[in-house]
Amino acid sequence: MSEAASGDRVKIHYTGTLADGSQFDSSVDGEPLEITLGAGGVIPGFEEAVMGMSAGDSRTVTITAADAYGPHDADRVHEVERSRIPDDVDLEVGGILQAVGENGETLAVTVVDFSEAGVTLDFNHPLAGEDLTFELQLVEIA
């Protein structure tokens, strides 16, 4: 039976949880995730965990924040004037807004706090600073 290696196209079911046991994502009730190993389409620790698996194999791995979305960077938390947020946007702490970055890319930002004067936004990935545990099942090596 062949083992998954860099360059292989694989289909994998996964369930991702945080250290407190809460689930942040899963493909189990839908289609498996299809990726090419080594292409950088997912976080590095996820690809490394799939390498060497054979179709039908399952494993559970914990990926440290450094190999996932990196540490939470306090320098990426900024307060902006409330007037810079459109009036029709309902603000709530923990809510996700879309912003346009310096290079025109779309960014997801998290609302940390807000008042009539300003809004504190976190430009880190929502999972930055988190160790991630994945239950993996390799469905197919294409």
N, C-alpha and C. Protein backbone atom coordinates (compact mmCIF):
# COMPACT_ATOMS: atom_id res chain seq x y z
N MET A 1 0.85 -1.17 0.00
CA MET A 1 0.00 0.00 0.00
C MET A 1 0.90 1.24 0.00
N SER A 2 0.60 2.21 -0.85
CA SER A 2 1.47 3.38 -0.96
C SER A 2 1.20 4.37 0.17
N GLU A 3 2.24 5.14 0.48
CA GLU A 3 2.16 6.15 1.52
C GLU A 3 2.14 7.53 0.89
N ALA A 4 1.39 8.44 1.48
CA ALA A 4 1.28 9.80 0.98
C ALA A 4 2.64 10.50 1.05
N ALA A 5 3.00 11.16 -0.07
CA ALA A 5 4.29 11.84 -0.15
C ALA A 5 4.10 13.18 -0.85
N SER A 6 5.09 14.02 -0.76
CA SER A 6 5.05 15.33 -1.39
C SER A 6 4.73 15.19 -2.87
N GLY A 7 3.80 16.00 -3.34
CA GLY A 7 3.37 15.96 -4.74
C GLY A 7 2.12 15.14 -4.96
N ASP A 8 1.76 14.29 -3.99
CA ASP A 8 0.54 13.48 -4.11
C ASP A 8 -0.68 14.34 -3.87
N ARG A 9 -1.72 14.06 -4.62
CA ARG A 9 -3.03 14.67 -4.39
C ARG A 9 -3.78 13.71 -3.48
N VAL A 10 -4.25 14.21 -2.32
CA VAL A 10 -4.90 13.35 -1.34
C VAL A 10 -6.26 13.91 -0.96
N LYS A 11 -7.14 13.01 -0.52
CA LYS A 11 -8.43 13.38 0.05
C LYS A 11 -8.41 12.93 1.50
N ILE A 12 -8.76 13.86 2.39
CA ILE A 12 -8.66 13.56 3.81
C ILE A 12 -9.84 14.17 4.57
N HIS A 13 -10.39 13.37 5.47
CA HIS A 13 -11.39 13.89 6.40
C HIS A 13 -10.65 14.33 7.66
N TYR A 14 -11.13 15.41 8.26
CA TYR A 14 -10.48 15.92 9.46
C TYR A 14 -11.51 16.54 10.39
N THR A 15 -11.17 16.57 11.66
CA THR A 15 -11.89 17.35 12.66
C THR A 15 -10.83 18.07 13.46
N GLY A 16 -10.98 19.40 13.55
CA GLY A 16 -10.02 20.22 14.28
C GLY A 16 -10.62 20.72 15.58
N THR A 17 -9.84 20.57 16.68
CA THR A 17 -10.28 21.05 17.98
C THR A 17 -9.18 21.87 18.64
N LEU A 18 -9.60 22.71 19.58
CA LEU A 18 -8.68 23.53 20.37
C LEU A 18 -8.34 22.80 21.67
N ALA A 19 -7.42 23.37 22.43
CA ALA A 19 -6.98 22.75 23.68
C ALA A 19 -8.14 22.54 24.66
N ASP A 20 -9.17 23.39 24.62
CA ASP A 20 -10.31 23.24 25.53
C ASP A 20 -11.32 22.21 25.03
N GLY A 21 -11.03 21.58 23.87
CA GLY A 21 -11.91 20.55 23.32
C GLY A 21 -12.95 21.07 22.35
N SER A 22 -13.06 22.39 22.22
CA SER A 22 -14.07 22.94 21.29
C SER A 22 -13.63 22.70 19.85
N GLN A 23 -14.59 22.37 19.01
CA GLN A 23 -14.35 22.07 17.60
C GLN A 23 -14.38 23.37 16.80
N PHE A 24 -13.37 23.60 15.95
CA PHE A 24 -13.37 24.80 15.12
C PHE A 24 -13.63 24.50 13.65
N ASP A 25 -13.50 23.25 13.23
CA ASP A 25 -13.77 22.91 11.83
C ASP A 25 -13.81 21.39 11.68
N SER A 26 -14.54 20.93 10.65
CA SER A 26 -14.61 19.50 10.36
C SER A 26 -15.12 19.30 8.93
N SER A 27 -14.61 18.25 8.31
CA SER A 27 -15.11 17.87 6.98
C SER A 27 -15.95 16.60 7.04
N VAL A 28 -16.11 16.03 8.23
CA VAL A 28 -16.70 14.70 8.39
C VAL A 28 -18.12 14.61 7.82
N ASP A 29 -18.92 15.65 7.96
CA ASP A 29 -20.30 15.59 7.44
C ASP A 29 -20.41 16.09 6.01
N GLY A 30 -19.29 16.30 5.35
CA GLY A 30 -19.30 16.79 3.98
C GLY A 30 -18.27 16.06 3.14
N GLU A 31 -17.79 16.75 2.14
CA GLU A 31 -16.77 16.18 1.26
C GLU A 31 -15.40 16.25 1.94
N PRO A 32 -14.53 15.26 1.70
CA PRO A 32 -13.18 15.34 2.27
C PRO A 32 -12.39 16.49 1.64
N LEU A 33 -11.47 17.00 2.39
CA LEU A 33 -10.56 18.03 1.91
C LEU A 33 -9.62 17.41 0.88
N GLU A 34 -9.45 18.06 -0.26
CA GLU A 34 -8.55 17.56 -1.30
C GLU A 34 -7.40 18.55 -1.45
N ILE A 35 -6.18 18.07 -1.22
CA ILE A 35 -4.99 18.94 -1.31
C ILE A 35 -3.86 18.21 -2.03
N THR A 36 -2.92 18.99 -2.51
CA THR A 36 -1.67 18.44 -3.04
C THR A 36 -0.60 18.66 -1.98
N LEU A 37 -0.04 17.57 -1.48
CA LEU A 37 0.97 17.67 -0.44
C LEU A 37 2.21 18.40 -0.97
N GLY A 38 2.69 19.33 -0.16
CA GLY A 38 3.88 20.10 -0.54
C GLY A 38 3.57 21.37 -1.29
N ALA A 39 2.31 21.59 -1.65
CA ALA A 39 1.93 22.78 -2.42
C ALA A 39 1.64 23.99 -1.53
N GLY A 40 1.59 23.77 -0.22
CA GLY A 40 1.37 24.89 0.70
C GLY A 40 -0.07 25.34 0.80
N GLY A 41 -1.02 24.48 0.44
CA GLY A 41 -2.43 24.86 0.48
C GLY A 41 -3.04 24.82 1.88
N VAL A 42 -2.36 24.21 2.83
CA VAL A 42 -2.82 24.13 4.21
C VAL A 42 -1.63 24.44 5.12
N ILE A 43 -1.89 24.55 6.41
CA ILE A 43 -0.81 24.87 7.34
C ILE A 43 0.26 23.76 7.29
N PRO A 44 1.53 24.13 7.48
CA PRO A 44 2.62 23.14 7.35
C PRO A 44 2.46 21.91 8.25
N GLY A 45 2.06 22.10 9.49
CA GLY A 45 1.93 20.96 10.39
C GLY A 45 0.89 19.96 9.94
N PHE A 46 -0.16 20.44 9.25
CA PHE A 46 -1.21 19.55 8.74
C PHE A 46 -0.62 18.68 7.63
N GLU A 47 0.09 19.30 6.68
CA GLU A 47 0.71 18.53 5.59
C GLU A 47 1.67 17.49 6.14
N GLU A 48 2.51 17.90 7.10
CA GLU A 48 3.49 16.98 7.68
C GLU A 48 2.80 15.78 8.33
N ALA A 49 1.65 16.01 8.96
CA ALA A 49 0.93 14.92 9.62
C ALA A 49 0.38 13.91 8.62
N VAL A 50 0.02 14.37 7.42
CA VAL A 50 -0.54 13.47 6.41
C VAL A 50 0.55 12.65 5.72
N MET A 51 1.75 13.22 5.62
CA MET A 51 2.86 12.51 4.96
C MET A 51 3.07 11.14 5.63
N GLY A 52 3.20 10.12 4.83
CA GLY A 52 3.47 8.78 5.33
C GLY A 52 2.22 7.97 5.65
N MET A 53 1.05 8.60 5.61
CA MET A 53 -0.20 7.85 5.85
C MET A 53 -0.57 7.08 4.58
N SER A 54 -1.28 5.98 4.75
CA SER A 54 -1.83 5.20 3.64
C SER A 54 -3.35 5.37 3.65
N ALA A 55 -3.98 5.14 2.50
CA ALA A 55 -5.44 5.24 2.41
C ALA A 55 -6.07 4.35 3.48
N GLY A 56 -7.02 4.91 4.23
CA GLY A 56 -7.69 4.19 5.30
C GLY A 56 -7.07 4.45 6.67
N ASP A 57 -5.85 4.98 6.71
CA ASP A 57 -5.20 5.27 7.99
C ASP A 57 -5.87 6.44 8.69
N SER A 58 -5.86 6.39 10.02
CA SER A 58 -6.32 7.48 10.86
C SER A 58 -5.24 7.81 11.87
N ARG A 59 -5.19 9.07 12.25
CA ARG A 59 -4.27 9.49 13.31
C ARG A 59 -4.76 10.79 13.90
N THR A 60 -4.33 11.04 15.11
CA THR A 60 -4.62 12.30 15.79
C THR A 60 -3.29 12.98 16.05
N VAL A 61 -3.21 14.26 15.67
CA VAL A 61 -1.99 15.03 15.86
C VAL A 61 -2.32 16.38 16.47
N THR A 62 -1.38 16.88 17.26
CA THR A 62 -1.49 18.23 17.78
C THR A 62 -0.41 19.06 17.11
N ILE A 63 -0.82 20.18 16.53
CA ILE A 63 0.09 21.06 15.81
C ILE A 63 0.24 22.33 16.65
N THR A 64 1.46 22.64 17.01
CA THR A 64 1.69 23.83 17.83
C THR A 64 1.37 25.08 17.03
N ALA A 65 1.10 26.15 17.74
CA ALA A 65 0.78 27.43 17.09
C ALA A 65 1.86 27.83 16.10
N ALA A 66 3.12 27.55 16.41
CA ALA A 66 4.22 27.91 15.52
C ALA A 66 4.12 27.22 14.17
N ASP A 67 3.58 26.00 14.13
CA ASP A 67 3.43 25.26 12.88
C ASP A 67 2.02 25.37 12.31
N ALA A 68 1.19 26.20 12.94
CA ALA A 68 -0.18 26.41 12.46
C ALA A 68 -0.28 27.85 11.93
N TYR A 69 -0.89 28.74 12.71
CA TYR A 69 -1.09 30.12 12.26
C TYR A 69 -0.17 31.10 12.98
N GLY A 70 0.84 30.57 13.68
CA GLY A 70 1.81 31.42 14.35
C GLY A 70 1.30 31.96 15.67
N PRO A 71 2.19 32.65 16.38
CA PRO A 71 1.78 33.23 17.66
C PRO A 71 0.85 34.42 17.45
N HIS A 72 0.09 34.75 18.47
CA HIS A 72 -0.75 35.96 18.42
C HIS A 72 0.19 37.15 18.56
N ASP A 73 0.10 38.09 17.63
CA ASP A 73 0.98 39.26 17.60
C ASP A 73 0.20 40.50 18.04
N ALA A 74 0.52 41.02 19.21
CA ALA A 74 -0.18 42.19 19.75
C ALA A 74 -0.05 43.40 18.83
N ASP A 75 1.01 43.45 18.03
CA ASP A 75 1.19 44.58 17.11
C ASP A 75 0.18 44.56 15.95
N ARG A 76 -0.58 43.47 15.83
CA ARG A 76 -1.59 43.38 14.77
C ARG A 76 -2.99 43.70 15.29
N VAL A 77 -3.07 44.25 16.49
CA VAL A 77 -4.33 44.69 17.07
C VAL A 77 -4.32 46.22 17.02
N HIS A 78 -5.32 46.81 16.37
CA HIS A 78 -5.34 48.25 16.13
C HIS A 78 -6.71 48.84 16.44
N GLU A 79 -6.69 50.07 16.95
CA GLU A 79 -7.94 50.80 17.13
C GLU A 79 -8.11 51.74 15.95
N VAL A 80 -9.30 51.75 15.40
CA VAL A 80 -9.64 52.66 14.30
C VAL A 80 -10.82 53.52 14.74
N GLU A 81 -10.94 54.66 14.12
CA GLU A 81 -12.07 55.53 14.42
C GLU A 81 -13.37 54.85 14.01
N ARG A 82 -14.39 54.99 14.84
CA ARG A 82 -15.70 54.37 14.56
C ARG A 82 -16.25 54.82 13.21
N SER A 83 -15.93 56.04 12.81
CA SER A 83 -16.43 56.57 11.55
C SER A 83 -15.88 55.82 10.33
N ARG A 84 -14.81 55.03 10.51
CA ARG A 84 -14.24 54.26 9.40
C ARG A 84 -15.00 52.96 9.14
N ILE A 85 -15.92 52.63 10.05
CA ILE A 85 -16.74 51.43 9.89
C ILE A 85 -18.11 51.87 9.38
N PRO A 86 -18.59 51.31 8.28
CA PRO A 86 -19.91 51.71 7.74
C PRO A 86 -21.01 51.59 8.79
N ASP A 87 -21.95 52.52 8.77
CA ASP A 87 -23.05 52.55 9.74
C ASP A 87 -23.91 51.29 9.70
N ASP A 88 -24.00 50.63 8.56
CA ASP A 88 -24.86 49.45 8.45
C ASP A 88 -24.21 48.17 8.97
N VAL A 89 -22.96 48.27 9.47
CA VAL A 89 -22.26 47.10 10.01
C VAL A 89 -22.61 46.96 11.48
N ASP A 90 -23.21 45.83 11.84
CA ASP A 90 -23.54 45.55 13.24
C ASP A 90 -22.28 45.03 13.93
N LEU A 91 -21.82 45.75 14.92
CA LEU A 91 -20.61 45.36 15.64
C LEU A 91 -20.96 44.51 16.85
N GLU A 92 -20.17 43.45 17.05
CA GLU A 92 -20.27 42.65 18.26
C GLU A 92 -18.89 42.09 18.55
N VAL A 93 -18.53 42.06 19.82
CA VAL A 93 -17.23 41.54 20.22
C VAL A 93 -17.13 40.09 19.77
N GLY A 94 -16.04 39.76 19.09
CA GLY A 94 -15.84 38.42 18.54
C GLY A 94 -16.34 38.29 17.11
N GLY A 95 -17.06 39.29 16.63
CA GLY A 95 -17.56 39.27 15.25
C GLY A 95 -16.42 39.42 14.25
N ILE A 96 -16.62 38.89 13.07
CA ILE A 96 -15.61 38.94 12.01
C ILE A 96 -16.07 39.95 10.96
N LEU A 97 -15.17 40.86 10.62
CA LEU A 97 -15.42 41.83 9.56
C LEU A 97 -14.43 41.60 8.44
N GLN A 98 -14.74 42.08 7.26
CA GLN A 98 -13.79 42.03 6.15
C GLN A 98 -13.19 43.40 5.96
N ALA A 99 -11.87 43.40 5.74
CA ALA A 99 -11.15 44.63 5.48
C ALA A 99 -10.30 44.42 4.24
N VAL A 100 -9.88 45.51 3.64
CA VAL A 100 -9.00 45.44 2.47
C VAL A 100 -7.60 45.83 2.93
N GLY A 101 -6.63 44.94 2.67
CA GLY A 101 -5.25 45.17 3.08
C GLY A 101 -4.54 46.14 2.15
N GLU A 102 -3.29 46.43 2.50
CA GLU A 102 -2.47 47.37 1.74
C GLU A 102 -2.29 46.96 0.29
N ASN A 103 -2.27 45.68 0.02
CA ASN A 103 -2.07 45.18 -1.35
C ASN A 103 -3.38 44.83 -2.04
N GLY A 104 -4.51 45.27 -1.47
CA GLY A 104 -5.80 45.00 -2.07
C GLY A 104 -6.40 43.65 -1.72
N GLU A 105 -5.73 42.87 -0.87
CA GLU A 105 -6.23 41.56 -0.49
C GLU A 105 -7.34 41.71 0.57
N THR A 106 -8.26 40.77 0.59
CA THR A 106 -9.34 40.78 1.57
C THR A 106 -8.85 40.10 2.84
N LEU A 107 -9.05 40.77 3.97
CA LEU A 107 -8.63 40.25 5.26
C LEU A 107 -9.84 40.06 6.17
N ALA A 108 -9.82 39.01 6.95
CA ALA A 108 -10.83 38.83 7.99
C ALA A 108 -10.24 39.38 9.28
N VAL A 109 -10.97 40.29 9.92
CA VAL A 109 -10.50 40.89 11.17
C VAL A 109 -11.56 40.64 12.24
N THR A 110 -11.10 40.48 13.47
CA THR A 110 -11.99 40.20 14.59
C THR A 110 -12.20 41.46 15.42
N VAL A 111 -13.45 41.73 15.76
CA VAL A 111 -13.77 42.87 16.62
C VAL A 111 -13.43 42.49 18.06
N VAL A 112 -12.52 43.25 18.68
CA VAL A 112 -12.10 42.99 20.05
C VAL A 112 -12.92 43.83 21.03
N ASP A 113 -13.19 45.08 20.64
CA ASP A 113 -13.93 46.01 21.49
C ASP A 113 -14.43 47.14 20.62
N PHE A 114 -15.43 47.85 21.09
CA PHE A 114 -15.89 49.02 20.35
C PHE A 114 -16.63 49.98 21.27
N SER A 115 -16.63 51.23 20.86
CA SER A 115 -17.36 52.29 21.55
C SER A 115 -17.87 53.24 20.49
N GLU A 116 -18.48 54.34 20.89
CA GLU A 116 -18.94 55.31 19.90
C GLU A 116 -17.77 55.99 19.22
N ALA A 117 -16.60 56.01 19.87
CA ALA A 117 -15.44 56.70 19.32
C ALA A 117 -14.56 55.80 18.45
N GLY A 118 -14.42 54.54 18.84
CA GLY A 118 -13.48 53.69 18.11
C GLY A 118 -13.83 52.22 18.15
N VAL A 119 -13.12 51.48 17.30
CA VAL A 119 -13.29 50.03 17.21
C VAL A 119 -11.90 49.41 17.26
N THR A 120 -11.72 48.45 18.17
CA THR A 120 -10.45 47.73 18.26
C THR A 120 -10.57 46.46 17.43
N LEU A 121 -9.67 46.32 16.44
CA LEU A 121 -9.69 45.20 15.51
C LEU A 121 -8.43 44.37 15.63
N ASP A 122 -8.58 43.07 15.58
CA ASP A 122 -7.45 42.13 15.63
C ASP A 122 -7.24 41.58 14.22
N PHE A 123 -6.09 41.90 13.64
CA PHE A 123 -5.76 41.47 12.29
C PHE A 123 -5.04 40.12 12.26
N ASN A 124 -4.84 39.48 13.40
CA ASN A 124 -4.28 38.13 13.45
C ASN A 124 -5.31 37.14 12.91
N HIS A 125 -4.84 36.00 12.40
CA HIS A 125 -5.76 34.92 12.06
C HIS A 125 -6.51 34.53 13.33
N PRO A 126 -7.80 34.21 13.24
CA PRO A 126 -8.56 33.85 14.46
C PRO A 126 -7.95 32.69 15.25
N LEU A 127 -7.18 31.84 14.62
CA LEU A 127 -6.56 30.71 15.32
C LEU A 127 -5.09 30.97 15.68
N ALA A 128 -4.60 32.19 15.47
CA ALA A 128 -3.22 32.52 15.84
C ALA A 128 -3.05 32.33 17.35
N GLY A 129 -1.92 31.76 17.73
CA GLY A 129 -1.63 31.53 19.14
C GLY A 129 -2.24 30.27 19.70
N GLU A 130 -2.96 29.53 18.88
CA GLU A 130 -3.64 28.31 19.34
C GLU A 130 -2.92 27.06 18.87
N ASP A 131 -2.74 26.10 19.77
CA ASP A 131 -2.32 24.76 19.37
C ASP A 131 -3.57 24.05 18.85
N LEU A 132 -3.45 23.36 17.73
CA LEU A 132 -4.59 22.74 17.07
C LEU A 132 -4.45 21.23 17.06
N THR A 133 -5.50 20.53 17.44
CA THR A 133 -5.52 19.07 17.38
C THR A 133 -6.42 18.64 16.24
N PHE A 134 -5.91 17.75 15.39
CA PHE A 134 -6.67 17.25 14.26
C PHE A 134 -6.80 15.74 14.35
N GLU A 135 -8.03 15.25 14.18
CA GLU A 135 -8.28 13.83 13.94
C GLU A 135 -8.32 13.70 12.42
N LEU A 136 -7.43 12.90 11.86
CA LEU A 136 -7.27 12.78 10.42
C LEU A 136 -7.63 11.36 9.96
N GLN A 137 -8.26 11.27 8.79
CA GLN A 137 -8.47 9.98 8.15
C GLN A 137 -8.18 10.17 6.67
N LEU A 138 -7.14 9.49 6.19
CA LEU A 138 -6.78 9.58 4.77
C LEU A 138 -7.75 8.72 3.97
N VAL A 139 -8.53 9.36 3.12
CA VAL A 139 -9.55 8.67 2.34
C VAL A 139 -8.95 8.07 1.09
N GLU A 140 -8.09 8.87 0.41
CA GLU A 140 -7.61 8.44 -0.91
C GLU A 140 -6.31 9.16 -1.26
N ILE A 141 -5.43 8.45 -1.93
CA ILE A 141 -4.26 9.06 -2.57
C ILE A 141 -4.53 8.96 -4.06
N ALA A 142 -4.67 10.14 -4.69
CA ALA A 142 -5.05 10.15 -6.11
C ALA A 142 -3.83 9.99 -7.00
